C-alpha cells in the first residue's frame, strides 16, 4: 500500500466546462473543481437590451430542475419569460473562497 500526503492550499477557482439551455428553459452548467462548489449564479442579459437582465442561483442537489445530486452539473429551470436571445454571465465559488466570474461566449435561447 502506498500513502501520499498532500499539503498546501487550494487557490484554483472553479472552471466552467460548458453551458446549455434546453427547450424547457432549464439552464445547466458543468463546472470542475478540486473541492465542493456550494454557490453558482447566472445573470442572463437580453441581447437586444443588456440592461434587461435577471439573476438566478443554480443548484446541484437533484431539485428545481437539477437532475442528479452532486454531479457538478448545476441547473435551474427558468420560468417562462418568452422567446429571446440572452448572454450569460457566470459566478461560482468553491468552499475555499476561490471565485470564477466570466461571460459565456455563446448566445443562449430562452423559449
PDB file of N, CA and C in Angstrom:
ATOM      1  N   UNK A   1       0.842  -1.169   0.000  1.00  0.00           N
ATOM      2  CA  UNK A   1       0.000   0.000   0.000  1.00  0.00           C
ATOM      3  C   UNK A   1       0.895   1.243   0.000  1.00  0.00           C
ATOM      4  N   UNK A   2       0.555   2.195  -0.813  1.00  0.00           N
ATOM      5  CA  UNK A   2       1.304   3.442  -0.912  1.00  0.00           C
ATOM      6  C   UNK A   2       0.461   4.571  -0.335  1.00  0.00           C
ATOM      7  N   UNK A   3       1.071   5.370   0.515  1.00  0.00           N
ATOM      8  CA  UNK A   3       0.386   6.539   1.066  1.00  0.00           C
ATOM      9  C   UNK A   3       1.068   7.791   0.556  1.00  0.00           C
ATOM     10  N   UNK A   4       0.267   8.749   0.156  1.00  0.00           N
ATOM     11  CA  UNK A   4       0.788  10.025  -0.326  1.00  0.00           C
ATOM     12  C   UNK A   4       0.135  11.130   0.492  1.00  0.00           C
ATOM     13  N   UNK A   5       0.941  11.917   1.144  1.00  0.00           N
ATOM     14  CA  UNK A   5       0.431  13.054   1.902  1.00  0.00           C
ATOM     15  C   UNK A   5       0.411  14.278   0.998  1.00  0.00           C
ATOM     16  N   UNK A   6      -0.710  14.953   0.966  1.00  0.00           N
ATOM     17  CA  UNK A   6      -0.862  16.162   0.164  1.00  0.00           C
ATOM     18  C   UNK A   6      -1.022  17.335   1.117  1.00  0.00           C
ATOM     19  N   UNK A   7      -0.203  18.347   0.913  1.00  0.00           N
ATOM     20  CA  UNK A   7      -0.267  19.530   1.756  1.00  0.00           C
ATOM     21  C   UNK A   7      -0.372  20.768   0.884  1.00  0.00           C
ATOM     22  N   UNK A   8      -0.832  21.841   1.486  1.00  0.00           N
ATOM     23  CA  UNK A   8      -0.917  23.098   0.757  1.00  0.00           C
ATOM     24  C   UNK A   8      -2.333  23.631   0.734  1.00  0.00           C
ATOM     25  N   UNK A   9      -2.485  24.717   0.022  1.00  0.00           N
ATOM     26  CA  UNK A   9      -3.784  25.371  -0.075  1.00  0.00           C
ATOM     27  C   UNK A   9      -4.279  25.350  -1.510  1.00  0.00           C
ATOM     28  N   UNK A  10      -5.589  25.273  -1.665  1.00  0.00           N
ATOM     29  CA  UNK A  10      -6.221  25.319  -2.983  1.00  0.00           C
ATOM     30  C   UNK A  10      -6.490  26.770  -3.335  1.00  0.00           C
ATOM     31  N   UNK A  11      -5.848  27.245  -4.399  1.00  0.00           N
ATOM     32  CA  UNK A  11      -6.063  28.610  -4.869  1.00  0.00           C
ATOM     33  C   UNK A  11      -6.646  28.627  -6.285  1.00  0.00           C
ATOM     34  N   UNK A  12      -7.141  27.480  -6.731  1.00  0.00           N
ATOM     35  CA  UNK A  12      -7.669  27.363  -8.087  1.00  0.00           C
ATOM     36  C   UNK A  12      -9.185  27.557  -8.070  1.00  0.00           C
ATOM     37  N   UNK A  13      -9.648  28.500  -8.869  1.00  0.00           N
ATOM     38  CA  UNK A  13     -11.084  28.789  -8.957  1.00  0.00           C
ATOM     39  C   UNK A  13     -11.797  27.708  -9.772  1.00  0.00           C
ATOM     40  N   UNK A  14     -13.098  27.531  -9.540  1.00  0.00           N
ATOM     41  CA  UNK A  14     -13.870  26.594 -10.361  1.00  0.00           C
ATOM     42  C   UNK A  14     -13.779  26.971 -11.835  1.00  0.00           C
ATOM     43  N   UNK A  15     -13.770  25.969 -12.685  1.00  0.00           N
ATOM     44  CA  UNK A  15     -13.684  26.168 -14.135  1.00  0.00           C
ATOM     45  C   UNK A  15     -14.997  25.741 -14.779  1.00  0.00           C
ATOM     46  N   UNK A  16     -15.519  26.564 -15.676  1.00  0.00           N
ATOM     47  CA  UNK A  16     -16.762  26.249 -16.383  1.00  0.00           C
ATOM     48  C   UNK A  16     -16.412  25.451 -17.632  1.00  0.00           C
ATOM     49  N   UNK A  17     -16.937  24.222 -17.717  1.00  0.00           N
ATOM     50  CA  UNK A  17     -16.657  23.368 -18.870  1.00  0.00           C
ATOM     51  C   UNK A  17     -17.644  23.625 -20.007  1.00  0.00           C
ATOM     52  N   UNK A  18     -18.932  23.727 -19.675  1.00  0.00           N
ATOM     53  CA  UNK A  18     -19.949  24.025 -20.692  1.00  0.00           C
ATOM     54  C   UNK A  18     -21.194  24.613 -20.044  1.00  0.00           C
ATOM     55  N   UNK A  19     -21.998  25.278 -20.911  1.00  0.00           N
ATOM     56  CA  UNK A  19     -23.278  25.865 -20.508  1.00  0.00           C
ATOM     57  C   UNK A  19     -24.284  25.559 -21.612  1.00  0.00           C
ATOM     58  N   UNK A  20     -25.492  25.192 -21.229  1.00  0.00           N
ATOM     59  CA  UNK A  20     -26.551  24.991 -22.224  1.00  0.00           C
ATOM     60  C   UNK A  20     -27.907  25.287 -21.601  1.00  0.00           C
ATOM     61  N   UNK A  21     -28.849  25.605 -22.466  1.00  0.00           N
ATOM     62  CA  UNK A  21     -30.240  25.801 -22.058  1.00  0.00           C
ATOM     63  C   UNK A  21     -31.088  24.886 -22.926  1.00  0.00           C
ATOM     64  N   UNK A  22     -31.853  24.016 -22.297  1.00  0.00           N
ATOM     65  CA  UNK A  22     -32.692  23.060 -23.030  1.00  0.00           C
ATOM     66  C   UNK A  22     -33.997  23.711 -23.468  1.00  0.00           C
ATOM     67  N   UNK A  23     -34.763  23.007 -24.260  1.00  0.00           N
ATOM     68  CA  UNK A  23     -36.020  23.513 -24.792  1.00  0.00           C
ATOM     69  C   UNK A  23     -37.061  23.815 -23.733  1.00  0.00           C
ATOM     70  N   UNK A  24     -36.918  23.223 -22.535  1.00  0.00           N
ATOM     71  CA  UNK A  24     -37.869  23.517 -21.451  1.00  0.00           C
ATOM     72  C   UNK A  24     -37.347  24.626 -20.534  1.00  0.00           C
ATOM     73  N   UNK A  25     -36.341  25.386 -21.029  1.00  0.00           N
ATOM     74  CA  UNK A  25     -35.746  26.516 -20.306  1.00  0.00           C
ATOM     75  C   UNK A  25     -35.014  26.103 -19.025  1.00  0.00           C
ATOM     76  N   UNK A  26     -34.400  24.939 -19.041  1.00  0.00           N
ATOM     77  CA  UNK A  26     -33.536  24.545 -17.929  1.00  0.00           C
ATOM     78  C   UNK A  26     -32.108  24.897 -18.310  1.00  0.00           C
ATOM     79  N   UNK A  27     -31.486  25.764 -17.507  1.00  0.00           N
ATOM     80  CA  UNK A  27     -30.094  26.108 -17.743  1.00  0.00           C
ATOM     81  C   UNK A  27     -29.230  25.125 -16.972  1.00  0.00           C
ATOM     82  N   UNK A  28     -28.169  24.639 -17.615  1.00  0.00           N
ATOM     83  CA  UNK A  28     -27.245  23.703 -16.995  1.00  0.00           C
ATOM     84  C   UNK A  28     -25.821  24.184 -17.238  1.00  0.00           C
ATOM     85  N   UNK A  29     -24.973  24.019 -16.222  1.00  0.00           N
ATOM     86  CA  UNK A  29     -23.553  24.355 -16.338  1.00  0.00           C
ATOM     87  C   UNK A  29     -22.751  23.234 -15.718  1.00  0.00           C
ATOM     88  N   UNK A  30     -21.758  22.764 -16.428  1.00  0.00           N
ATOM     89  CA  UNK A  30     -20.825  21.774 -15.885  1.00  0.00           C
ATOM     90  C   UNK A  30     -19.596  22.520 -15.392  1.00  0.00           C
ATOM     91  N   UNK A  31     -19.299  22.386 -14.096  1.00  0.00           N
ATOM     92  CA  UNK A  31     -18.132  23.027 -13.506  1.00  0.00           C
ATOM     93  C   UNK A  31     -17.160  21.966 -13.013  1.00  0.00           C
ATOM     94  N   UNK A  32     -15.897  22.346 -12.976  1.00  0.00           N
ATOM     95  CA  UNK A  32     -14.847  21.467 -12.488  1.00  0.00           C
ATOM     96  C   UNK A  32     -14.105  22.166 -11.362  1.00  0.00           C
ATOM     97  N   UNK A  33     -13.771  21.422 -10.314  1.00  0.00           N
ATOM     98  CA  UNK A  33     -13.010  21.983  -9.204  1.00  0.00           C
ATOM     99  C   UNK A  33     -12.539  20.832  -8.327  1.00  0.00           C
ATOM    100  N   UNK A  34     -11.453  21.045  -7.612  1.00  0.00           N
ATOM    101  CA  UNK A  34     -10.936  20.031  -6.702  1.00  0.00           C
ATOM    102  C   UNK A  34     -11.724  19.929  -5.412  1.00  0.00           C
ATOM    103  N   UNK A  35     -12.491  20.963  -5.073  1.00  0.00           N
ATOM    104  CA  UNK A  35     -13.300  20.968  -3.856  1.00  0.00           C
ATOM    105  C   UNK A  35     -14.770  21.092  -4.192  1.00  0.00           C
ATOM    106  N   UNK A  36     -15.579  21.191  -3.172  1.00  0.00           N
ATOM    107  CA  UNK A  36     -17.011  21.370  -3.382  1.00  0.00           C
ATOM    108  C   UNK A  36     -17.300  22.794  -3.828  1.00  0.00           C
ATOM    109  N   UNK A  37     -18.363  22.939  -4.605  1.00  0.00           N
ATOM    110  CA  UNK A  37     -18.796  24.246  -5.100  1.00  0.00           C
ATOM    111  C   UNK A  37     -20.201  24.490  -4.561  1.00  0.00           C
ATOM    112  N   UNK A  38     -20.345  25.275  -3.496  1.00  0.00           N
ATOM    113  CA  UNK A  38     -21.671  25.492  -2.919  1.00  0.00           C
ATOM    114  C   UNK A  38     -22.476  26.598  -3.594  1.00  0.00           C
ATOM    115  N   UNK A  39     -21.835  27.474  -4.371  1.00  0.00           N
ATOM    116  CA  UNK A  39     -22.554  28.634  -4.909  1.00  0.00           C
ATOM    117  C   UNK A  39     -22.253  28.853  -6.388  1.00  0.00           C
ATOM    118  N   UNK A  40     -23.317  28.821  -7.202  1.00  0.00           N
ATOM    119  CA  UNK A  40     -23.212  29.135  -8.631  1.00  0.00           C
ATOM    120  C   UNK A  40     -24.384  30.029  -8.995  1.00  0.00           C
ATOM    121  N   UNK A  41     -24.077  31.151  -9.628  1.00  0.00           N
ATOM    122  CA  UNK A  41     -25.111  32.101 -10.047  1.00  0.00           C
ATOM    123  C   UNK A  41     -24.937  32.403 -11.527  1.00  0.00           C
ATOM    124  N   UNK A  42     -26.062  32.700 -12.164  1.00  0.00           N
ATOM    125  CA  UNK A  42     -26.040  33.118 -13.563  1.00  0.00           C
ATOM    126  C   UNK A  42     -26.814  34.416 -13.702  1.00  0.00           C
ATOM    127  N   UNK A  43     -26.291  35.309 -14.513  1.00  0.00           N
ATOM    128  CA  UNK A  43     -27.022  36.512 -14.888  1.00  0.00           C
ATOM    129  C   UNK A  43     -27.317  36.387 -16.373  1.00  0.00           C
ATOM    130  N   UNK A  44     -28.590  36.447 -16.723  1.00  0.00           N
ATOM    131  CA  UNK A  44     -28.992  36.381 -18.126  1.00  0.00           C
ATOM    132  C   UNK A  44     -29.401  37.772 -18.569  1.00  0.00           C
ATOM    133  N   UNK A  45     -28.734  38.260 -19.626  1.00  0.00           N
ATOM    134  CA  UNK A  45     -28.990  39.600 -20.154  1.00  0.00           C
ATOM    135  C   UNK A  45     -29.550  39.487 -21.561  1.00  0.00           C
ATOM    136  N   UNK A  46     -30.677  40.158 -21.773  1.00  0.00           N
ATOM    137  CA  UNK A  46     -31.342  40.172 -23.066  1.00  0.00           C
ATOM    138  C   UNK A  46     -30.396  40.790 -24.088  1.00  0.00           C
ATOM    139  N   UNK A  47     -30.121  40.071 -25.180  1.00  0.00           N
ATOM    140  CA  UNK A  47     -29.120  40.529 -26.145  1.00  0.00           C
ATOM    141  C   UNK A  47     -29.466  41.887 -26.755  1.00  0.00           C
ATOM    142  N   UNK A  48     -30.733  42.128 -27.049  1.00  0.00           N
ATOM    143  CA  UNK A  48     -31.133  43.390 -27.670  1.00  0.00           C
ATOM    144  C   UNK A  48     -31.111  44.557 -26.694  1.00  0.00           C
ATOM    145  N   UNK A  49     -31.226  44.255 -25.390  1.00  0.00           N
ATOM    146  CA  UNK A  49     -31.231  45.298 -24.373  1.00  0.00           C
ATOM    147  C   UNK A  49     -30.548  44.748 -23.118  1.00  0.00           C
ATOM    148  N   UNK A  50     -29.198  44.824 -23.052  1.00  0.00           N
ATOM    149  CA  UNK A  50     -28.468  44.234 -21.925  1.00  0.00           C
ATOM    150  C   UNK A  50     -28.872  44.774 -20.556  1.00  0.00           C
ATOM    151  N   UNK A  51     -29.504  45.949 -20.510  1.00  0.00           N
ATOM    152  CA  UNK A  51     -29.971  46.474 -19.225  1.00  0.00           C
ATOM    153  C   UNK A  51     -31.113  45.624 -18.673  1.00  0.00           C
ATOM    154  N   UNK A  52     -31.787  44.902 -19.556  1.00  0.00           N
ATOM    155  CA  UNK A  52     -32.863  43.994 -19.149  1.00  0.00           C
ATOM    156  C   UNK A  52     -32.224  42.642 -18.815  1.00  0.00           C
ATOM    157  N   UNK A  53     -32.131  42.346 -17.515  1.00  0.00           N
ATOM    158  CA  UNK A  53     -31.464  41.113 -17.107  1.00  0.00           C
ATOM    159  C   UNK A  53     -32.133  40.543 -15.859  1.00  0.00           C
ATOM    160  N   UNK A  54     -31.782  39.312 -15.538  1.00  0.00           N
ATOM    161  CA  UNK A  54     -32.228  38.704 -14.291  1.00  0.00           C
ATOM    162  C   UNK A  54     -31.164  37.727 -13.815  1.00  0.00           C
ATOM    163  N   UNK A  55     -31.140  37.507 -12.508  1.00  0.00           N
ATOM    164  CA  UNK A  55     -30.174  36.608 -11.876  1.00  0.00           C
ATOM    165  C   UNK A  55     -30.882  35.375 -11.346  1.00  0.00           C
ATOM    166  N   UNK A  56     -30.194  34.239 -11.428  1.00  0.00           N
ATOM    167  CA  UNK A  56     -30.722  33.009 -10.846  1.00  0.00           C
ATOM    168  C   UNK A  56     -29.586  32.257 -10.158  1.00  0.00           C
ATOM    169  N   UNK A  57     -29.933  31.522  -9.125  1.00  0.00           N
ATOM    170  CA  UNK A  57     -28.982  30.636  -8.461  1.00  0.00           C
ATOM    171  C   UNK A  57     -29.218  29.225  -8.969  1.00  0.00           C
ATOM    172  N   UNK A  58     -28.142  28.577  -9.353  1.00  0.00           N
ATOM    173  CA  UNK A  58     -28.220  27.204  -9.828  1.00  0.00           C
ATOM    174  C   UNK A  58     -27.873  26.265  -8.684  1.00  0.00           C
ATOM    175  N   UNK A  59     -28.353  25.039  -8.776  1.00  0.00           N
ATOM    176  CA  UNK A  59     -28.083  24.089  -7.709  1.00  0.00           C
ATOM    177  C   UNK A  59     -27.592  22.768  -8.256  1.00  0.00           C
ATOM    178  N   UNK A  60     -27.064  21.961  -7.373  1.00  0.00           N
ATOM    179  CA  UNK A  60     -26.533  20.651  -7.713  1.00  0.00           C
ATOM    180  C   UNK A  60     -27.046  19.622  -6.708  1.00  0.00           C
ATOM    181  N   UNK A  61     -28.336  19.772  -6.370  1.00  0.00           N
ATOM    182  CA  UNK A  61     -28.919  18.925  -5.328  1.00  0.00           C
ATOM    183  C   UNK A  61     -30.019  17.986  -5.823  1.00  0.00           C
ATOM    184  N   UNK A  62     -30.180  17.881  -7.148  1.00  0.00           N
ATOM    185  CA  UNK A  62     -31.201  16.994  -7.692  1.00  0.00           C
ATOM    186  C   UNK A  62     -32.608  17.547  -7.611  1.00  0.00           C
ATOM    187  N   UNK A  63     -32.765  18.871  -7.370  1.00  0.00           N
ATOM    188  CA  UNK A  63     -34.079  19.500  -7.249  1.00  0.00           C
ATOM    189  C   UNK A  63     -34.156  20.745  -8.126  1.00  0.00           C
ATOM    190  N   UNK A  64     -35.371  21.264  -8.326  1.00  0.00           N
ATOM    191  CA  UNK A  64     -35.619  22.527  -9.046  1.00  0.00           C
ATOM    192  C   UNK A  64     -34.973  22.559 -10.427  1.00  0.00           C
ATOM    193  N   UNK A  65     -35.078  21.454 -11.144  1.00  0.00           N
ATOM    194  CA  UNK A  65     -34.530  21.390 -12.492  1.00  0.00           C
ATOM    195  C   UNK A  65     -33.197  20.677 -12.572  1.00  0.00           C
ATOM    196  N   UNK A  66     -32.543  20.442 -11.440  1.00  0.00           N
ATOM    197  CA  UNK A  66     -31.280  19.702 -11.434  1.00  0.00           C
ATOM    198  C   UNK A  66     -31.603  18.218 -11.421  1.00  0.00           C
ATOM    199  N   UNK A  67     -30.910  17.457 -12.257  1.00  0.00           N
ATOM    200  CA  UNK A  67     -31.263  16.049 -12.406  1.00  0.00           C
ATOM    201  C   UNK A  67     -30.564  15.115 -11.426  1.00  0.00           C
ATOM    202  N   UNK A  68     -29.273  15.354 -11.149  1.00  0.00           N
ATOM    203  CA  UNK A  68     -28.514  14.419 -10.323  1.00  0.00           C
ATOM    204  C   UNK A  68     -27.782  15.181  -9.219  1.00  0.00           C
ATOM    205  N   UNK A  69     -27.966  14.761  -7.998  1.00  0.00           N
ATOM    206  CA  UNK A  69     -27.313  15.371  -6.849  1.00  0.00           C
ATOM    207  C   UNK A  69     -25.805  15.115  -6.893  1.00  0.00           C
ATOM    208  N   UNK A  70     -24.996  16.195  -6.795  1.00  0.00           N
ATOM    209  CA  UNK A  70     -23.560  16.058  -6.640  1.00  0.00           C
ATOM    210  C   UNK A  70     -22.751  15.740  -7.880  1.00  0.00           C
ATOM    211  N   UNK A  71     -23.322  15.895  -9.080  1.00  0.00           N
ATOM    212  CA  UNK A  71     -22.584  15.542 -10.303  1.00  0.00           C
ATOM    213  C   UNK A  71     -21.809  16.704 -10.921  1.00  0.00           C
ATOM    214  N   UNK A  72     -21.780  17.854 -10.258  1.00  0.00           N
ATOM    215  CA  UNK A  72     -21.124  19.086 -10.725  1.00  0.00           C
ATOM    216  C   UNK A  72     -21.767  19.679 -11.969  1.00  0.00           C
ATOM    217  N   UNK A  73     -22.983  19.226 -12.319  1.00  0.00           N
ATOM    218  CA  UNK A  73     -23.798  19.897 -13.332  1.00  0.00           C
ATOM    219  C   UNK A  73     -24.835  20.687 -12.545  1.00  0.00           C
ATOM    220  N   UNK A  74     -24.661  21.996 -12.522  1.00  0.00           N
ATOM    221  CA  UNK A  74     -25.542  22.897 -11.775  1.00  0.00           C
ATOM    222  C   UNK A  74     -26.671  23.327 -12.692  1.00  0.00           C
ATOM    223  N   UNK A  75     -27.899  23.297 -12.191  1.00  0.00           N
ATOM    224  CA  UNK A  75     -29.067  23.522 -13.043  1.00  0.00           C
ATOM    225  C   UNK A  75     -30.129  24.333 -12.345  1.00  0.00           C
ATOM    226  N   UNK A  76     -31.038  24.864 -13.159  1.00  0.00           N
ATOM    227  CA  UNK A  76     -32.217  25.549 -12.637  1.00  0.00           C
ATOM    228  C   UNK A  76     -33.195  25.706 -13.790  1.00  0.00           C
ATOM    229  N   UNK A  77     -34.448  25.386 -13.533  1.00  0.00           N
ATOM    230  CA  UNK A  77     -35.499  25.624 -14.534  1.00  0.00           C
ATOM    231  C   UNK A  77     -35.884  27.091 -14.446  1.00  0.00           C
ATOM    232  N   UNK A  78     -35.864  27.768 -15.590  1.00  0.00           N
ATOM    233  CA  UNK A  78     -36.201  29.188 -15.670  1.00  0.00           C
ATOM    234  C   UNK A  78     -37.681  29.308 -16.010  1.00  0.00           C
ATOM    235  N   UNK A  79     -38.377  30.122 -15.233  1.00  0.00           N
ATOM    236  CA  UNK A  79     -39.792  30.351 -15.507  1.00  0.00           C
ATOM    237  C   UNK A  79     -39.947  30.930 -16.910  1.00  0.00           C
ATOM    238  N   UNK A  80     -41.061  30.627 -17.542  1.00  0.00           N
ATOM    239  CA  UNK A  80     -41.312  31.088 -18.910  1.00  0.00           C
ATOM    240  C   UNK A  80     -41.339  32.616 -18.968  1.00  0.00           C
ATOM    241  N   UNK A  81     -40.470  33.176 -19.786  1.00  0.00           N
ATOM    242  CA  UNK A  81     -40.417  34.632 -19.944  1.00  0.00           C
ATOM    243  C   UNK A  81     -40.584  35.063 -21.392  1.00  0.00           C
ATOM    244  N   UNK A  82     -40.769  34.111 -22.293  1.00  0.00           N
ATOM    245  CA  UNK A  82     -40.924  34.423 -23.702  1.00  0.00           C
ATOM    246  C   UNK A  82     -39.622  34.245 -24.455  1.00  0.00           C
ATOM    247  N   UNK A  83     -39.742  34.091 -25.770  1.00  0.00           N
ATOM    248  CA  UNK A  83     -38.582  33.834 -26.619  1.00  0.00           C
ATOM    249  C   UNK A  83     -37.620  35.012 -26.604  1.00  0.00           C
ATOM    250  N   UNK A  84     -36.333  34.703 -26.565  1.00  0.00           N
ATOM    251  CA  UNK A  84     -35.314  35.744 -26.638  1.00  0.00           C
ATOM    252  C   UNK A  84     -33.920  35.164 -26.640  1.00  0.00           C
ATOM    253  N   UNK A  85     -32.979  35.974 -27.103  1.00  0.00           N
ATOM    254  CA  UNK A  85     -31.569  35.605 -27.102  1.00  0.00           C
ATOM    255  C   UNK A  85     -30.893  36.293 -25.928  1.00  0.00           C
ATOM    256  N   UNK A  86     -30.088  35.536 -25.183  1.00  0.00           N
ATOM    257  CA  UNK A  86     -29.501  36.038 -23.945  1.00  0.00           C
ATOM    258  C   UNK A  86     -28.006  35.750 -23.876  1.00  0.00           C
ATOM    259  N   UNK A  87     -27.293  36.666 -23.256  1.00  0.00           N
ATOM    260  CA  UNK A  87     -25.904  36.455 -22.889  1.00  0.00           C
ATOM    261  C   UNK A  87     -25.905  35.986 -21.440  1.00  0.00           C
ATOM    262  N   UNK A  88     -24.943  35.122 -21.089  1.00  0.00           N
ATOM    263  CA  UNK A  88     -24.909  34.540 -19.754  1.00  0.00           C
ATOM    264  C   UNK A  88     -23.606  34.904 -19.049  1.00  0.00           C
ATOM    265  N   UNK A  89     -23.744  35.526 -17.887  1.00  0.00           N
ATOM    266  CA  UNK A  89     -22.614  35.762 -17.009  1.00  0.00           C
ATOM    267  C   UNK A  89     -22.648  34.721 -15.900  1.00  0.00           C
ATOM    268  N   UNK A  90     -21.485  34.240 -15.502  1.00  0.00           N
ATOM    269  CA  UNK A  90     -21.395  33.140 -14.547  1.00  0.00           C
ATOM    270  C   UNK A  90     -20.530  33.561 -13.360  1.00  0.00           C
ATOM    271  N   UNK A  91     -21.010  33.241 -12.156  1.00  0.00           N
ATOM    272  CA  UNK A  91     -20.229  33.415 -10.939  1.00  0.00           C
ATOM    273  C   UNK A  91     -20.287  32.108 -10.164  1.00  0.00           C
ATOM    274  N   UNK A  92     -19.112  31.598  -9.779  1.00  0.00           N
ATOM    275  CA  UNK A  92     -19.040  30.365  -8.992  1.00  0.00           C
ATOM    276  C   UNK A  92     -17.965  30.516  -7.933  1.00  0.00           C
ATOM    277  N   UNK A  93     -18.214  29.906  -6.778  1.00  0.00           N
ATOM    278  CA  UNK A  93     -17.253  29.965  -5.688  1.00  0.00           C
ATOM    279  C   UNK A  93     -17.150  28.594  -5.029  1.00  0.00           C
ATOM    280  N   UNK A  94     -15.923  28.142  -4.797  1.00  0.00           N
ATOM    281  CA  UNK A  94     -15.744  26.861  -4.119  1.00  0.00           C
ATOM    282  C   UNK A  94     -15.655  27.057  -2.603  1.00  0.00           C
ATOM    283  N   UNK A  95     -15.534  25.963  -1.875  1.00  0.00           N
ATOM    284  CA  UNK A  95     -15.548  26.037  -0.405  1.00  0.00           C
ATOM    285  C   UNK A  95     -14.327  26.738   0.172  1.00  0.00           C
ATOM    286  N   UNK A  96     -13.302  26.955  -0.643  1.00  0.00           N
ATOM    287  CA  UNK A  96     -12.094  27.634  -0.177  1.00  0.00           C
ATOM    288  C   UNK A  96     -12.107  29.124  -0.488  1.00  0.00           C
ATOM    289  N   UNK A  97     -13.222  29.610  -1.065  1.00  0.00           N
ATOM    290  CA  UNK A  97     -13.340  31.029  -1.379  1.00  0.00           C
ATOM    291  C   UNK A  97     -12.776  31.417  -2.730  1.00  0.00           C
ATOM    292  N   UNK A  98     -12.347  30.448  -3.540  1.00  0.00           N
ATOM    293  CA  UNK A  98     -11.846  30.738  -4.884  1.00  0.00           C
ATOM    294  C   UNK A  98     -13.035  31.016  -5.797  1.00  0.00           C
ATOM    295  N   UNK A  99     -12.976  32.137  -6.515  1.00  0.00           N
ATOM    296  CA  UNK A  99     -14.126  32.578  -7.306  1.00  0.00           C
ATOM    297  C   UNK A  99     -13.809  32.648  -8.799  1.00  0.00           C
ATOM    298  N   UNK A 100     -14.825  32.318  -9.569  1.00  0.00           N
ATOM    299  CA  UNK A 100     -14.799  32.481 -11.024  1.00  0.00           C
ATOM    300  C   UNK A 100     -15.897  33.460 -11.387  1.00  0.00           C
ATOM    301  N   UNK A 101     -15.571  34.392 -12.254  1.00  0.00           N
ATOM    302  CA  UNK A 101     -16.571  35.306 -12.800  1.00  0.00           C
ATOM    303  C   UNK A 101     -16.231  35.470 -14.269  1.00  0.00           C
ATOM    304  N   UNK A 102     -17.150  35.017 -15.138  1.00  0.00           N
ATOM    305  CA  UNK A 102     -16.859  35.082 -16.565  1.00  0.00           C
ATOM    306  C   UNK A 102     -18.129  35.196 -17.385  1.00  0.00           C
ATOM    307  N   UNK A 103     -17.953  35.620 -18.606  1.00  0.00           N
ATOM    308  CA  UNK A 103     -19.031  35.688 -19.586  1.00  0.00           C
ATOM    309  C   UNK A 103     -18.927  34.462 -20.480  1.00  0.00           C
ATOM    310  N   UNK A 104     -20.037  33.757 -20.650  1.00  0.00           N
ATOM    311  CA  UNK A 104     -20.032  32.617 -21.566  1.00  0.00           C
ATOM    312  C   UNK A 104     -20.076  33.182 -22.983  1.00  0.00           C
ATOM    313  N   UNK A 105     -19.215  32.699 -23.901  1.00  0.00           N
ATOM    314  CA  UNK A 105     -19.115  33.319 -25.230  1.00  0.00           C
ATOM    315  C   UNK A 105     -20.300  33.079 -26.161  1.00  0.00           C
ATOM    316  N   UNK A 106     -21.075  32.033 -25.923  1.00  0.00           N
ATOM    317  CA  UNK A 106     -22.189  31.709 -26.814  1.00  0.00           C
ATOM    318  C   UNK A 106     -23.473  32.430 -26.374  1.00  0.00           C
ATOM    319  N   UNK A 107     -24.295  32.784 -27.356  1.00  0.00           N
ATOM    320  CA  UNK A 107     -25.621  33.358 -27.085  1.00  0.00           C
ATOM    321  C   UNK A 107     -26.589  32.208 -26.837  1.00  0.00           C
ATOM    322  N   UNK A 108     -27.405  32.332 -25.793  1.00  0.00           N
ATOM    323  CA  UNK A 108     -28.347  31.285 -25.407  1.00  0.00           C
ATOM    324  C   UNK A 108     -29.784  31.699 -25.770  1.00  0.00           C
ATOM    325  N   UNK A 109     -30.617  30.713 -26.052  1.00  0.00           N
ATOM    326  CA  UNK A 109     -32.012  30.932 -26.440  1.00  0.00           C
ATOM    327  C   UNK A 109     -32.935  30.501 -25.308  1.00  0.00           C
ATOM    328  N   UNK A 110     -33.840  31.398 -24.909  1.00  0.00           N
ATOM    329  CA  UNK A 110     -34.921  31.046 -23.982  1.00  0.00           C
ATOM    330  C   UNK A 110     -36.221  31.042 -24.758  1.00  0.00           C
ATOM    331  N   UNK A 111     -37.106  30.128 -24.401  1.00  0.00           N
ATOM    332  CA  UNK A 111     -38.393  29.995 -25.096  1.00  0.00           C
ATOM    333  C   UNK A 111     -39.524  30.532 -24.252  1.00  0.00           C
TER     334      UNK A 111
END
